[in-house]
Amino acid sequence: MKKTLYVRYILTVFAVLALNSQHKCYTQELEPKIDSLLQEKYPSNGPGATFMISKKGNIIYKKAFGLANLELSVPMQTENIFEIGSMTKQFTAISILMLMEQGKLDLNDQITKFIPDYPTHGKAITIHHLLTHTSGIKNYTRMKAITGIAKKDLTPLELINFFKNETMDFEPGEQFKYNNSGYVILGHIIEFLSGQSYASFVEENIFKKLNMTSSSYATHTKIIKNKVSGYHKRNNYTKNMHISYSLPYAAGSLLSNIDDMLKWQEAIKNNLLICKETTEKAFTNYTLNNGKYINYGYGWHIKTLNNTRNFEHGGSIFGFKSMGVYLPDLDIYVIGLSNCDCNSPTKITRDIAQLVARN
């Protein structure tokens, strides 16, 4: 028995050493190429970014570039925290699926079940439509009148009242049109069913469970250690526009960093928050009423990179851009967070994912 245990121990040690050696060679080969790409895009004297690459759950690359604060010339660090914009939608979608597993909602429930006076004009608008951007509801961030409420602290229902009487863009399920309004309504549904604010629900049911200690709902008043400043650029750099975080709400008001986003990705991959069958709902490529694929699931775009399946989503909010790409068949995850809305990490994150996939 002792001999068998010893042999198993030796085999485990060799396996770990081999894996570490493989990762070391992998990193040594790719690191200079990735460094060159990112140093060019995010120079040391401008707003910067943090990037992380993981393969099979192991970090093979993690670096920071540029400045976290232009006024003080503070270099970016990998632990820095960013506004992640529409990547928030992933957390909202999973929160909805958690409530579904608890039996508190059905994805085919109509929104009038939660907002009885919502003017649907006789149309059946469901939670599924909201999750997949196929509801036809007017996107409030495209309304000119939004500048009038941008700095006001609104309740979710007050924000919904801002857009609910707008003419619908199309019949539910007839088109795919990216829509922040749908995720605002989803945030209200989470609050309606849980009895908690959206911020509290996500904090208690996701961030605390996954030990995502650098993630939270954004605030203008609380001191958040390691949070970077956000910037905009036309001719010169300017500080990002001040808006109330009640405006992006469940569609875009979360903060995080690359370490926490890896914890999030691993939790989704390993079904730590919802069961496998429910997770598959998030990554199904849904169709319109006519059967045409929309290349979107629940909170993630469903695409391909060089014929490899790709689950991705970006974020854009005043002063910040973000992008996360996951190749499930290769178990490769690339996350990039930037503190200037002038320098999106979207394309370079995809490019890096393809570079890693080829090596």
Protein backbone atom coordinates (compact mmCIF):
# COMPACT_ATOMS: atom_id res chain seq x y z
CA MET A 1 0.00 0.00 0.00
CA LYS A 2 2.80 2.43 0.94
CA LYS A 3 4.60 1.63 -2.32
CA THR A 4 1.44 2.34 -4.33
CA LEU A 5 0.94 5.66 -2.57
CA TYR A 6 4.57 6.59 -3.18
CA VAL A 7 4.27 5.79 -6.90
CA ARG A 8 1.14 7.91 -7.12
CA TYR A 9 2.91 10.76 -5.36
CA ILE A 10 5.89 10.58 -7.74
CA LEU A 11 3.59 10.52 -10.78
CA THR A 12 1.70 13.55 -9.48
CA VAL A 13 4.95 15.46 -8.90
CA PHE A 14 6.15 14.67 -12.42
CA ALA A 15 2.80 15.71 -13.88
CA VAL A 16 2.92 19.07 -12.06
CA LEU A 17 6.54 19.65 -13.10
CA ALA A 18 5.71 18.81 -16.72
CA LEU A 19 2.75 21.16 -16.67
CA ASN A 20 4.81 23.98 -15.16
CA SER A 21 7.53 23.41 -17.74
CA GLN A 22 4.96 23.50 -20.53
CA HIS A 23 3.51 26.77 -19.23
CA LYS A 24 7.00 28.27 -18.85
CA CYS A 25 7.92 27.45 -22.46
CA TYR A 26 4.52 28.62 -23.62
CA THR A 27 4.98 31.99 -21.91
CA GLN A 28 8.58 32.46 -23.02
CA GLU A 29 7.57 31.97 -26.64
CA LEU A 30 4.52 34.24 -26.62
CA GLU A 31 5.47 36.89 -24.09
CA PRO A 32 7.69 39.06 -26.34
CA LYS A 33 5.06 39.07 -29.10
CA ILE A 34 2.25 40.04 -26.74
CA ASP A 35 4.43 42.62 -24.96
CA SER A 36 5.20 44.27 -28.29
CA LEU A 37 1.54 44.47 -29.29
CA LEU A 38 0.40 45.92 -25.98
CA GLN A 39 3.30 48.33 -25.49
CA GLU A 40 2.57 49.84 -28.88
CA LYS A 41 -1.15 50.19 -28.18
CA TYR A 42 -0.78 51.42 -24.59
CA PRO A 43 2.39 53.58 -24.36
CA SER A 44 3.89 54.41 -20.99
CA ASN A 45 2.92 58.11 -21.06
CA GLY A 46 -0.82 57.70 -21.69
CA PRO A 47 -3.86 55.96 -20.20
CA GLY A 48 -3.19 52.26 -20.00
CA ALA A 49 -4.62 48.81 -19.60
CA THR A 50 -4.22 45.52 -17.79
CA PHE A 51 -4.27 42.18 -19.58
CA MET A 52 -4.43 38.59 -18.44
CA ILE A 53 -4.33 35.31 -20.35
CA SER A 54 -5.24 31.97 -18.83
CA LYS A 55 -5.09 28.51 -20.35
CA LYS A 56 -6.90 25.66 -18.64
CA GLY A 57 -7.38 27.89 -15.62
CA ASN A 58 -3.70 28.72 -15.24
CA ILE A 59 -2.41 32.27 -15.71
CA ILE A 60 0.20 32.35 -18.46
CA TYR A 61 0.39 36.12 -18.90
CA LYS A 62 -0.51 39.09 -16.67
CA LYS A 63 0.81 42.61 -17.18
CA ALA A 64 -0.08 46.29 -16.90
CA PHE A 65 0.70 49.09 -19.34
CA GLY A 66 0.51 52.88 -19.35
CA LEU A 67 -0.79 55.09 -16.56
CA ALA A 68 -3.55 54.61 -14.01
CA ASN A 69 -3.68 58.36 -13.35
CA LEU A 70 -2.41 61.00 -15.78
CA GLU A 71 -2.41 63.90 -13.32
CA LEU A 72 -0.07 62.11 -10.92
CA SER A 73 1.76 59.96 -13.51
CA VAL A 74 0.88 56.81 -11.56
CA PRO A 75 1.90 53.65 -13.46
CA MET A 76 -0.77 51.05 -14.08
CA GLN A 77 -0.63 47.93 -11.88
CA THR A 78 -2.21 44.54 -12.56
CA GLU A 79 -4.37 44.79 -9.43
CA ASN A 80 -5.97 48.06 -10.59
CA ILE A 81 -9.77 48.25 -10.71
CA PHE A 82 -11.80 49.50 -13.69
CA GLU A 83 -15.37 50.21 -14.62
CA ILE A 84 -16.23 47.24 -16.84
CA GLY A 85 -19.30 48.71 -18.55
CA SER A 86 -21.47 46.22 -20.39
CA MET A 87 -19.55 43.22 -19.13
CA THR A 88 -21.92 43.86 -16.21
CA LYS A 89 -24.58 42.16 -18.35
CA GLN A 90 -22.93 38.78 -17.72
CA PHE A 91 -23.53 39.20 -13.99
CA THR A 92 -27.11 40.32 -14.55
CA ALA A 93 -27.84 37.35 -16.82
CA ILE A 94 -26.38 34.82 -14.37
CA SER A 95 -28.33 36.46 -11.51
CA ILE A 96 -31.54 35.93 -13.51
CA LEU A 97 -30.60 32.27 -14.10
CA MET A 98 -29.90 31.84 -10.38
CA LEU A 99 -33.41 33.10 -9.61
CA MET A 100 -34.77 30.74 -12.26
CA GLU A 101 -33.09 27.80 -10.53
CA GLN A 102 -34.67 28.92 -7.27
CA GLY A 103 -38.08 28.67 -8.94
CA LYS A 104 -38.74 32.41 -8.66
CA LEU A 105 -39.14 33.03 -12.37
CA ASP A 106 -39.57 31.39 -15.75
CA LEU A 107 -37.65 32.69 -18.75
CA ASN A 108 -40.93 32.87 -20.64
CA ASP A 109 -42.51 35.10 -18.00
CA GLN A 110 -43.80 38.33 -19.51
CA ILE A 111 -42.43 41.58 -18.11
CA THR A 112 -45.92 42.72 -17.09
CA LYS A 113 -45.71 40.10 -14.33
CA PHE A 114 -43.10 42.33 -12.68
CA ILE A 115 -44.16 45.76 -14.04
CA PRO A 116 -47.96 45.51 -14.44
CA ASP A 117 -48.35 48.95 -15.99
CA TYR A 118 -45.65 48.49 -18.63
CA PRO A 119 -47.18 49.45 -22.02
CA THR A 120 -46.48 46.39 -24.18
CA HIS A 121 -49.21 47.31 -26.68
CA GLY A 122 -50.49 43.78 -26.58
CA LYS A 123 -47.08 42.27 -27.34
CA ALA A 124 -45.70 39.38 -25.32
CA ILE A 125 -42.29 40.65 -24.14
CA THR A 126 -40.54 37.98 -22.07
CA ILE A 127 -37.46 37.71 -19.88
CA HIS A 128 -35.89 35.71 -22.70
CA HIS A 129 -36.39 38.66 -25.06
CA LEU A 130 -34.69 40.99 -22.57
CA LEU A 131 -31.70 38.68 -22.12
CA THR A 132 -31.17 38.26 -25.87
CA HIS A 133 -31.72 41.87 -27.00
CA THR A 134 -34.72 40.83 -29.08
CA SER A 135 -37.48 42.64 -27.14
CA GLY A 136 -37.93 45.58 -29.52
CA ILE A 137 -37.95 48.01 -26.57
CA LYS A 138 -36.30 51.36 -27.30
CA ASN A 139 -32.69 51.53 -26.13
CA TYR A 140 -32.63 54.41 -23.65
CA THR A 141 -28.92 55.15 -24.16
CA ARG A 142 -29.78 56.10 -27.77
CA MET A 143 -32.40 58.65 -26.74
CA LYS A 144 -31.39 62.32 -27.08
CA ALA A 145 -33.19 63.20 -23.85
CA ILE A 146 -30.76 61.06 -21.87
CA THR A 147 -28.47 64.06 -21.29
CA GLY A 148 -31.20 65.54 -19.12
CA ILE A 149 -31.08 62.67 -16.64
CA ALA A 150 -27.41 61.65 -16.91
CA LYS A 151 -26.45 63.08 -13.50
CA LYS A 152 -29.68 62.32 -11.65
CA ASP A 153 -29.90 59.45 -9.16
CA LEU A 154 -32.94 57.48 -10.28
CA THR A 155 -34.64 54.39 -8.95
CA PRO A 156 -34.87 51.50 -11.42
CA LEU A 157 -38.57 52.19 -11.97
CA GLU A 158 -37.88 55.89 -12.57
CA LEU A 159 -35.31 54.91 -15.20
CA ILE A 160 -37.79 52.47 -16.77
CA ASN A 161 -40.41 55.24 -16.83
CA PHE A 162 -37.92 57.32 -18.84
CA PHE A 163 -38.11 54.95 -21.83
CA LYS A 164 -41.20 52.75 -21.42
CA ASN A 165 -43.56 54.97 -23.45
CA GLU A 166 -41.24 55.16 -26.44
CA THR A 167 -42.36 53.51 -29.67
CA MET A 168 -41.02 49.99 -29.98
CA ASP A 169 -38.36 49.41 -32.63
CA PHE A 170 -39.80 46.06 -33.78
CA GLU A 171 -42.02 43.16 -32.75
CA PRO A 172 -40.55 40.97 -29.97
CA GLY A 173 -38.33 38.27 -31.44
CA GLU A 174 -38.27 39.78 -34.93
CA GLN A 175 -34.79 41.35 -34.72
CA PHE A 176 -31.62 41.43 -32.64
CA LYS A 177 -30.71 44.95 -31.57
CA TYR A 178 -28.30 45.52 -28.69
CA ASN A 179 -30.36 47.09 -25.95
CA ASN A 180 -29.43 48.45 -22.52
CA SER A 181 -33.09 49.01 -21.62
CA GLY A 182 -33.72 45.27 -21.45
CA TYR A 183 -30.98 44.80 -18.86
CA VAL A 184 -32.33 47.69 -16.77
CA ILE A 185 -35.66 45.84 -16.62
CA LEU A 186 -33.79 42.64 -15.69
CA GLY A 187 -32.13 44.52 -12.83
CA HIS A 188 -35.56 45.60 -11.58
CA ILE A 189 -36.80 41.99 -11.82
CA ILE A 190 -33.84 40.85 -9.69
CA GLU A 191 -34.75 43.45 -7.07
CA PHE A 192 -38.48 42.65 -7.26
CA LEU A 193 -37.93 38.91 -6.67
CA SER A 194 -35.03 39.02 -4.20
CA GLY A 195 -36.11 41.94 -2.03
CA GLN A 196 -32.57 43.32 -2.34
CA SER A 197 -31.00 46.07 -4.36
CA TYR A 198 -29.24 44.88 -7.50
CA ALA A 199 -25.90 45.88 -5.98
CA SER A 200 -26.56 43.88 -2.80
CA PHE A 201 -27.77 40.82 -4.70
CA VAL A 202 -24.66 40.66 -6.88
CA GLU A 203 -22.38 41.36 -3.91
CA GLU A 204 -23.87 38.62 -1.71
CA ASN A 205 -24.64 35.97 -4.31
CA ILE A 206 -21.66 36.36 -6.65
CA PHE A 207 -18.78 38.50 -5.38
CA LYS A 208 -18.68 37.10 -1.84
CA LYS A 209 -19.25 33.51 -2.95
CA LEU A 210 -16.37 33.72 -5.45
CA ASN A 211 -14.08 35.82 -3.24
CA MET A 212 -14.12 38.60 -5.83
CA THR A 213 -12.80 41.14 -3.34
CA SER A 214 -11.91 43.76 -5.96
CA SER A 215 -15.39 43.83 -7.52
CA SER A 216 -18.33 46.03 -6.55
CA TYR A 217 -21.07 48.32 -7.77
CA ALA A 218 -19.57 51.67 -8.81
CA THR A 219 -19.80 54.74 -6.56
CA HIS A 220 -18.77 58.39 -6.68
CA THR A 221 -18.45 58.74 -2.92
CA LYS A 222 -16.76 55.63 -1.52
CA ILE A 223 -12.95 55.36 -1.63
CA ILE A 224 -12.08 52.30 -3.70
CA LYS A 225 -8.47 51.26 -3.30
CA ASN A 226 -6.64 50.64 -6.60
CA LYS A 227 -9.41 52.14 -8.78
CA VAL A 228 -7.97 53.91 -11.80
CA SER A 229 -9.08 57.23 -13.28
CA GLY A 230 -10.99 57.19 -16.56
CA TYR A 231 -10.21 59.38 -19.56
CA HIS A 232 -11.58 60.57 -22.87
CA LYS A 233 -9.70 62.01 -25.83
CA ARG A 234 -10.50 64.24 -28.75
CA ASN A 235 -7.58 66.56 -29.31
CA ASN A 236 -6.24 66.13 -25.79
CA TYR A 237 -7.01 63.85 -22.87
CA THR A 238 -9.84 64.90 -20.58
CA LYS A 239 -11.32 63.29 -17.49
CA ASN A 240 -14.34 61.11 -18.08
CA MET A 241 -17.83 62.58 -17.89
CA HIS A 242 -19.53 62.38 -14.51
CA ILE A 243 -22.78 60.42 -14.64
CA SER A 244 -25.00 58.85 -12.00
CA TYR A 245 -24.33 55.12 -11.74
CA SER A 246 -28.07 54.62 -11.45
CA LEU A 247 -28.09 55.27 -15.20
CA PRO A 248 -26.02 52.28 -16.48
CA TYR A 249 -27.33 50.26 -13.50
CA ALA A 250 -27.65 46.51 -14.24
CA ALA A 251 -26.53 47.13 -17.82
CA GLY A 252 -23.12 48.58 -16.96
CA SER A 253 -22.30 49.79 -13.42
CA LEU A 254 -19.92 47.17 -12.04
CA LEU A 255 -16.23 47.50 -11.15
CA SER A 256 -13.66 44.72 -11.33
CA ASN A 257 -10.07 43.83 -12.17
CA ILE A 258 -8.40 41.11 -14.23
CA ASP A 259 -7.84 38.76 -11.28
CA ASP A 260 -11.49 38.86 -10.29
CA MET A 261 -12.62 38.46 -13.88
CA LEU A 262 -10.61 35.23 -14.08
CA LYS A 263 -12.37 34.03 -10.90
CA TRP A 264 -15.64 34.86 -12.62
CA GLN A 265 -14.71 33.01 -15.79
CA GLU A 266 -13.59 29.93 -13.86
CA ALA A 267 -16.81 29.96 -11.83
CA ILE A 268 -18.89 30.02 -15.00
CA LYS A 269 -16.78 27.28 -16.59
CA ASN A 270 -17.02 25.05 -13.52
CA ASN A 271 -20.72 25.72 -12.81
CA LEU A 272 -20.06 27.09 -9.33
CA LEU A 273 -23.09 29.39 -9.27
CA ILE A 274 -25.59 27.54 -11.44
CA CYS A 275 -25.81 23.96 -12.68
CA LYS A 276 -24.38 22.80 -16.01
CA GLU A 277 -27.77 22.59 -17.72
CA THR A 278 -28.54 26.18 -16.72
CA THR A 279 -25.09 27.39 -17.80
CA GLU A 280 -25.75 25.92 -21.23
CA LYS A 281 -28.74 28.25 -21.55
CA ALA A 282 -26.38 31.23 -21.21
CA PHE A 283 -24.21 29.96 -24.06
CA THR A 284 -26.89 28.86 -26.50
CA ASN A 285 -26.91 30.71 -29.82
CA TYR A 286 -30.55 31.77 -29.92
CA THR A 287 -32.69 32.47 -32.95
CA LEU A 288 -35.24 35.03 -34.07
CA ASN A 289 -38.84 34.14 -34.81
CA ASN A 290 -37.79 33.26 -38.38
CA GLY A 291 -35.10 30.84 -37.19
CA LYS A 292 -32.12 33.10 -37.96
CA TYR A 293 -29.30 32.88 -35.42
CA ILE A 294 -28.55 36.05 -33.46
CA ASN A 295 -25.05 35.03 -32.29
CA TYR A 296 -25.94 35.94 -28.73
CA GLY A 297 -26.83 33.94 -25.65
CA TYR A 298 -27.62 35.44 -22.25
CA GLY A 299 -24.99 38.12 -21.56
CA TRP A 300 -22.42 36.79 -24.02
CA HIS A 301 -21.92 37.06 -27.78
CA ILE A 302 -21.63 33.60 -29.33
CA LYS A 303 -19.12 33.79 -32.18
CA THR A 304 -16.13 32.05 -33.75
CA LEU A 305 -12.45 33.00 -34.07
CA ASN A 306 -10.68 31.10 -36.84
CA ASN A 307 -13.42 28.44 -36.75
CA THR A 308 -13.04 28.08 -32.97
CA ARG A 309 -16.04 28.73 -30.73
CA ASN A 310 -15.78 32.05 -28.95
CA PHE A 311 -17.85 33.46 -26.06
CA GLU A 312 -17.11 37.15 -25.68
CA HIS A 313 -18.39 40.48 -24.46
CA GLY A 314 -17.02 43.98 -24.23
CA GLY A 315 -17.88 47.03 -22.22
CA SER A 316 -17.88 50.75 -22.91
CA ILE A 317 -18.68 53.44 -20.38
CA PHE A 318 -17.43 57.00 -20.07
CA GLY A 319 -13.64 56.77 -19.64
CA PHE A 320 -13.36 52.99 -19.83
CA LYS A 321 -13.36 50.09 -22.30
CA SER A 322 -13.20 46.37 -21.57
CA MET A 323 -13.16 43.07 -23.44
CA GLY A 324 -13.21 39.42 -22.47
CA VAL A 325 -12.77 36.52 -24.90
CA TYR A 326 -13.16 32.85 -23.99
CA LEU A 327 -12.42 29.95 -26.34
CA PRO A 328 -14.20 27.04 -24.63
CA ASP A 329 -12.80 24.26 -26.81
CA LEU A 330 -9.23 25.32 -25.97
CA ASP A 331 -10.01 26.69 -22.50
CA ILE A 332 -8.27 29.98 -23.29
CA TYR A 333 -9.42 33.20 -21.64
CA VAL A 334 -8.14 36.69 -22.46
CA ILE A 335 -9.31 39.75 -20.54
CA GLY A 336 -8.31 43.36 -21.23
CA LEU A 337 -9.36 46.44 -19.25
CA SER A 338 -8.54 50.01 -20.34
CA ASN A 339 -8.97 53.40 -18.65
CA CYS A 340 -9.59 55.49 -21.76
CA ASP A 341 -12.67 55.14 -23.92
CA CYS A 342 -10.40 56.29 -26.77
CA ASN A 343 -8.38 53.06 -26.83
CA SER A 344 -10.58 49.99 -26.95
CA PRO A 345 -9.06 46.58 -26.14
CA THR A 346 -11.67 44.75 -28.26
CA LYS A 347 -9.64 43.93 -31.36
CA ILE A 348 -6.32 43.33 -29.62
CA THR A 349 -7.96 40.99 -27.10
CA ARG A 350 -9.33 38.90 -29.98
CA ASP A 351 -5.94 39.04 -31.73
CA ILE A 352 -4.15 37.81 -28.60
CA ALA A 353 -6.68 35.00 -28.16
CA GLN A 354 -5.98 33.86 -31.73
CA LEU A 355 -2.22 34.12 -31.16
CA VAL A 356 -2.45 31.92 -28.06
CA ALA A 357 -4.74 29.47 -29.85
CA ARG A 358 -2.18 29.01 -32.63
CA ASN A 359 0.69 28.23 -30.25
